[in-house]
Amino acid sequence: QVQLVESGGGLVQPGGSLRLSCAASGFTFSSYAMSWYRQAPGKERELVAFITSTGDSTNVVDSVKGRFTISRDNAKNTVYLQMNSLKPEDTAIYYCYRVGRVPGTRAFGSWGQGTQVTVSS
């Protein structure tokens, strides 16, 4: 089965950095685009970053441009989100997401369990 396991979240001061990792298994990782989403309390889950299957193209939402970088290592079946210059408004649960329907299910994509990022002084 598709499995996505996030790690690297935690508490950081404003201006600090974190690197989130998402370890993938149960599918051919290099065949799928991946994304990071986040959900702050009381808000809708929002797309933060996207990366193509080969890693040749990426995109991040305007609010994190210049601060966040998405990358992947297909040899390690892992996608990363490097977060620099963190702001309190970045506080959220961050989720890894595999783009594409999950075989044998009705899901349009696959979610990780999420990892909490808290930016506070």
C-alpha atoms as a PDB file:
ATOM      1  CA  GLN A   1       0.000   0.000   0.000  1.00  0.00           C
ATOM      2  CA  VAL A   2       0.958   3.621  -0.481  1.00  0.00           C
ATOM      3  CA  GLN A   3       2.647   4.949   2.624  1.00  0.00           C
ATOM      4  CA  LEU A   4       3.973   8.445   3.269  1.00  0.00           C
ATOM      5  CA  VAL A   5       5.677   9.219   6.565  1.00  0.00           C
ATOM      6  CA  GLU A   6       6.611  12.796   7.410  1.00  0.00           C
ATOM      7  CA  SER A   7       9.288  13.778   9.878  1.00  0.00           C
ATOM      8  CA  GLY A   8      11.304  16.811  10.876  1.00  0.00           C
ATOM      9  CA  GLY A   9       8.634  18.998  12.381  1.00  0.00           C
ATOM     10  CA  GLY A  10       9.018  20.733  15.688  1.00  0.00           C
ATOM     11  CA  LEU A  11       9.205  24.031  17.505  1.00  0.00           C
ATOM     12  CA  VAL A  12      11.382  26.756  16.036  1.00  0.00           C
ATOM     13  CA  GLN A  13      11.831  30.470  16.650  1.00  0.00           C
ATOM     14  CA  PRO A  14      10.878  33.033  14.016  1.00  0.00           C
ATOM     15  CA  GLY A  15      13.657  33.297  11.471  1.00  0.00           C
ATOM     16  CA  GLY A  16      14.728  29.735  12.067  1.00  0.00           C
ATOM     17  CA  SER A  17      14.818  26.787   9.712  1.00  0.00           C
ATOM     18  CA  LEU A  18      13.484  23.269   9.509  1.00  0.00           C
ATOM     19  CA  ARG A  19      13.760  20.539   6.935  1.00  0.00           C
ATOM     20  CA  LEU A  20      10.804  18.225   6.602  1.00  0.00           C
ATOM     21  CA  SER A  21      11.184  14.783   5.099  1.00  0.00           C
ATOM     22  CA  CYS A  22       8.597  12.474   3.618  1.00  0.00           C
ATOM     23  CA  ALA A  23       9.592   8.846   3.227  1.00  0.00           C
ATOM     24  CA  ALA A  24       7.537   7.044   0.599  1.00  0.00           C
ATOM     25  CA  SER A  25       6.901   3.361   0.063  1.00  0.00           C
ATOM     26  CA  GLY A  26       4.440   1.037  -1.624  1.00  0.00           C
ATOM     27  CA  PHE A  27       4.705   2.526  -5.105  1.00  0.00           C
ATOM     28  CA  THR A  28       7.168   3.553  -7.770  1.00  0.00           C
ATOM     29  CA  PHE A  29       8.203   6.845  -6.231  1.00  0.00           C
ATOM     30  CA  SER A  30       9.979   8.203  -9.299  1.00  0.00           C
ATOM     31  CA  SER A  31       6.775   7.962 -11.350  1.00  0.00           C
ATOM     32  CA  TYR A  32       4.775  10.416  -9.267  1.00  0.00           C
ATOM     33  CA  ALA A  33       4.680  14.114  -8.645  1.00  0.00           C
ATOM     34  CA  MET A  34       4.659  15.026  -4.969  1.00  0.00           C
ATOM     35  CA  SER A  35       3.355  17.942  -2.965  1.00  0.00           C
ATOM     36  CA  TRP A  36       3.477  19.478   0.461  1.00  0.00           C
ATOM     37  CA  TYR A  37       0.327  20.895   2.019  1.00  0.00           C
ATOM     38  CA  ARG A  38      -0.253  22.566   5.328  1.00  0.00           C
ATOM     39  CA  GLN A  39      -3.230  23.197   7.545  1.00  0.00           C
ATOM     40  CA  ALA A  40      -3.292  25.827  10.248  1.00  0.00           C
ATOM     41  CA  PRO A  41      -5.903  25.763  13.024  1.00  0.00           C
ATOM     42  CA  GLY A  42      -9.272  26.919  11.729  1.00  0.00           C
ATOM     43  CA  LYS A  43      -8.082  27.130   8.142  1.00  0.00           C
ATOM     44  CA  GLU A  44      -8.422  25.031   5.036  1.00  0.00           C
ATOM     45  CA  ARG A  45      -5.602  22.786   3.998  1.00  0.00           C
ATOM     46  CA  GLU A  46      -3.537  24.595   1.395  1.00  0.00           C
ATOM     47  CA  LEU A  47      -0.988  23.611  -1.191  1.00  0.00           C
ATOM     48  CA  VAL A  48       2.486  24.805  -0.265  1.00  0.00           C
ATOM     49  CA  ALA A  49       4.829  23.222  -2.788  1.00  0.00           C
ATOM     50  CA  PHE A  50       4.842  20.895  -5.766  1.00  0.00           C
ATOM     51  CA  ILE A  51       7.528  18.897  -7.503  1.00  0.00           C
ATOM     52  CA  THR A  52       7.406  16.825 -10.667  1.00  0.00           C
ATOM     53  CA  SER A  53       8.251  13.146 -10.698  1.00  0.00           C
ATOM     54  CA  THR A  54      11.802  13.739 -11.879  1.00  0.00           C
ATOM     55  CA  GLY A  55      12.339  16.876  -9.845  1.00  0.00           C
ATOM     56  CA  ASP A  56      12.941  18.946 -12.963  1.00  0.00           C
ATOM     57  CA  SER A  57      10.276  21.482 -12.055  1.00  0.00           C
ATOM     58  CA  THR A  58       9.027  22.867  -8.763  1.00  0.00           C
ATOM     59  CA  ASN A  59       6.583  25.464  -7.564  1.00  0.00           C
ATOM     60  CA  VAL A  60       5.767  27.008  -4.215  1.00  0.00           C
ATOM     61  CA  VAL A  61       2.918  29.194  -3.104  1.00  0.00           C
ATOM     62  CA  ASP A  62       3.573  32.940  -3.161  1.00  0.00           C
ATOM     63  CA  SER A  63       3.553  33.263   0.608  1.00  0.00           C
ATOM     64  CA  VAL A  64       6.621  31.039   0.943  1.00  0.00           C
ATOM     65  CA  LYS A  65       8.555  31.971  -2.201  1.00  0.00           C
ATOM     66  CA  GLY A  66      12.158  32.699  -1.427  1.00  0.00           C
ATOM     67  CA  ARG A  67      11.908  30.856   1.883  1.00  0.00           C
ATOM     68  CA  PHE A  68      10.764  27.299   1.148  1.00  0.00           C
ATOM     69  CA  THR A  69      12.289  24.832  -1.275  1.00  0.00           C
ATOM     70  CA  ILE A  70      10.862  21.477  -2.275  1.00  0.00           C
ATOM     71  CA  SER A  71      13.203  18.765  -3.496  1.00  0.00           C
ATOM     72  CA  ARG A  72      13.324  15.022  -3.866  1.00  0.00           C
ATOM     73  CA  ASP A  73      15.780  12.174  -3.895  1.00  0.00           C
ATOM     74  CA  ASN A  74      14.304   9.390  -5.976  1.00  0.00           C
ATOM     75  CA  ALA A  75      17.081   7.010  -4.968  1.00  0.00           C
ATOM     76  CA  LYS A  76      15.943   7.399  -1.360  1.00  0.00           C
ATOM     77  CA  ASN A  77      12.203   7.572  -2.110  1.00  0.00           C
ATOM     78  CA  THR A  78      12.069  10.800  -0.163  1.00  0.00           C
ATOM     79  CA  VAL A  79      10.710  14.281  -0.761  1.00  0.00           C
ATOM     80  CA  TYR A  80      11.890  17.240   1.298  1.00  0.00           C
ATOM     81  CA  LEU A  81      10.669  20.668   2.245  1.00  0.00           C
ATOM     82  CA  GLN A  82      13.419  23.027   3.321  1.00  0.00           C
ATOM     83  CA  MET A  83      11.877  25.872   5.291  1.00  0.00           C
ATOM     84  CA  ASN A  84      13.974  28.939   6.020  1.00  0.00           C
ATOM     85  CA  SER A  85      13.167  32.311   7.564  1.00  0.00           C
ATOM     86  CA  LEU A  86      10.168  30.806   9.274  1.00  0.00           C
ATOM     87  CA  LYS A  87       7.354  33.051  10.409  1.00  0.00           C
ATOM     88  CA  PRO A  88       4.639  32.491  13.014  1.00  0.00           C
ATOM     89  CA  GLU A  89       2.093  32.281  10.210  1.00  0.00           C
ATOM     90  CA  ASP A  90       3.895  29.181   8.945  1.00  0.00           C
ATOM     91  CA  THR A  91       2.651  27.318  12.003  1.00  0.00           C
ATOM     92  CA  ALA A  92       0.592  24.386  10.772  1.00  0.00           C
ATOM     93  CA  ILE A  93       0.480  20.674  10.335  1.00  0.00           C
ATOM     94  CA  TYR A  94       2.442  19.866   7.200  1.00  0.00           C
ATOM     95  CA  TYR A  95       1.340  16.966   5.038  1.00  0.00           C
ATOM     96  CA  CYS A  96       3.063  15.069   2.280  1.00  0.00           C
ATOM     97  CA  TYR A  97       0.833  14.198  -0.682  1.00  0.00           C
ATOM     98  CA  ARG A  98       1.242  11.911  -3.662  1.00  0.00           C
ATOM     99  CA  VAL A  99      -0.450  13.191  -6.780  1.00  0.00           C
ATOM    100  CA  GLY A 100      -2.507  10.584  -8.584  1.00  0.00           C
ATOM    101  CA  ARG A 101      -5.152   8.019  -7.844  1.00  0.00           C
ATOM    102  CA  VAL A 102      -4.351   5.218  -5.477  1.00  0.00           C
ATOM    103  CA  PRO A 103      -4.769   1.797  -7.113  1.00  0.00           C
ATOM    104  CA  GLY A 104      -7.470  -0.300  -5.514  1.00  0.00           C
ATOM    105  CA  THR A 105      -9.077   2.686  -3.798  1.00  0.00           C
ATOM    106  CA  ARG A 106     -11.276   5.632  -4.721  1.00  0.00           C
ATOM    107  CA  ALA A 107      -8.745   8.165  -3.501  1.00  0.00           C
ATOM    108  CA  PHE A 108      -7.432  10.805  -5.897  1.00  0.00           C
ATOM    109  CA  GLY A 109      -4.181  11.004  -4.016  1.00  0.00           C
ATOM    110  CA  SER A 110      -2.435   9.761  -0.920  1.00  0.00           C
ATOM    111  CA  TRP A 111      -1.710  11.679   2.282  1.00  0.00           C
ATOM    112  CA  GLY A 112       0.866  11.279   4.952  1.00  0.00           C
ATOM    113  CA  GLN A 113      -0.042  11.548   8.619  1.00  0.00           C
ATOM    114  CA  GLY A 114       1.300  15.067   8.981  1.00  0.00           C
ATOM    115  CA  THR A 115       3.980  16.648  11.100  1.00  0.00           C
ATOM    116  CA  GLN A 116       3.509  19.678  13.334  1.00  0.00           C
ATOM    117  CA  VAL A 117       5.529  22.814  12.705  1.00  0.00           C
ATOM    118  CA  THR A 118       5.272  25.519  15.332  1.00  0.00           C
ATOM    119  CA  VAL A 119       7.002  28.863  14.853  1.00  0.00           C
ATOM    120  CA  SER A 120       6.975  30.871  18.041  1.00  0.00           C
ATOM    121  CA  SER A 121       9.233  32.986  20.210  1.00  0.00           C
END
